[in-house]
Amino acid sequence: MLFEADQGLFLNVTQSVATLVHQEHGPIELQAGYYQVWRQREYTPAEIRVVRD
């Protein structure tokens, strides 16, 4: 479950293990628990923007 709180964006893994899959990276296994989601940003001289894959 993905949710937003005052402190930021969080992921709650409710199963014993969850696998995140992304086409540009290898799979990542997460154990049950809460994780804070950090959004990657990229810089250009014109702006700083959130990377959206």
Protein backbone atom coordinates (compact mmCIF):
# COMPACT_ATOMS: atom_id res chain seq x y z
CA MET A 1 0.00 0.00 0.00
CA LEU A 2 1.39 3.40 -1.03
CA PHE A 3 0.29 6.46 0.97
CA GLU A 4 1.22 10.07 1.58
CA ALA A 5 1.63 11.59 5.05
CA ASP A 6 2.86 14.96 6.33
CA GLN A 7 6.41 13.52 6.45
CA GLY A 8 6.37 12.32 2.81
CA LEU A 9 5.45 9.32 0.67
CA PHE A 10 5.51 5.82 2.23
CA LEU A 11 5.12 2.21 1.17
CA ASN A 12 3.62 -0.36 3.56
CA VAL A 13 4.58 -3.93 2.56
CA THR A 14 1.94 -6.17 4.15
CA GLN A 15 3.13 -9.52 2.75
CA SER A 16 6.20 -11.26 4.19
CA VAL A 17 8.19 -10.30 1.05
CA ALA A 18 7.39 -8.05 -1.92
CA THR A 19 9.40 -7.74 -5.13
CA LEU A 20 9.74 -4.38 -6.87
CA VAL A 21 10.36 -4.71 -10.59
CA HIS A 22 11.62 -1.96 -12.90
CA GLN A 23 12.63 -2.29 -16.55
CA GLU A 24 15.92 -0.41 -16.02
CA HIS A 25 17.05 -2.11 -12.77
CA GLY A 26 17.18 -5.55 -11.27
CA PRO A 27 14.34 -6.70 -8.98
CA ILE A 28 14.48 -5.60 -5.32
CA GLU A 29 12.98 -7.71 -2.54
CA LEU A 30 11.50 -5.87 0.44
CA GLN A 31 10.59 -7.48 3.75
CA ALA A 32 7.28 -6.61 5.44
CA GLY A 33 7.27 -3.14 6.99
CA TYR A 34 7.08 0.57 6.26
CA TYR A 35 9.47 2.28 3.83
CA GLN A 36 9.86 5.95 2.98
CA VAL A 37 9.82 6.60 -0.77
CA TRP A 38 12.47 9.00 -2.05
CA ARG A 39 11.78 10.48 -5.47
CA GLN A 40 14.79 10.81 -7.72
CA ARG A 41 15.37 14.29 -9.13
CA GLU A 42 17.46 15.51 -12.00
CA TYR A 43 19.06 18.89 -12.44
CA THR A 44 19.29 21.04 -15.53
CA PRO A 45 20.28 24.72 -15.55
CA ALA A 46 16.63 25.55 -16.28
CA GLU A 47 15.03 23.51 -13.46
CA ILE A 48 15.15 20.68 -10.94
CA ARG A 49 12.48 18.10 -11.75
CA VAL A 50 11.22 14.80 -10.39
CA VAL A 51 12.22 11.82 -12.54
CA ARG A 52 9.15 9.93 -13.76
CA ASP A 53 9.74 6.41 -15.07
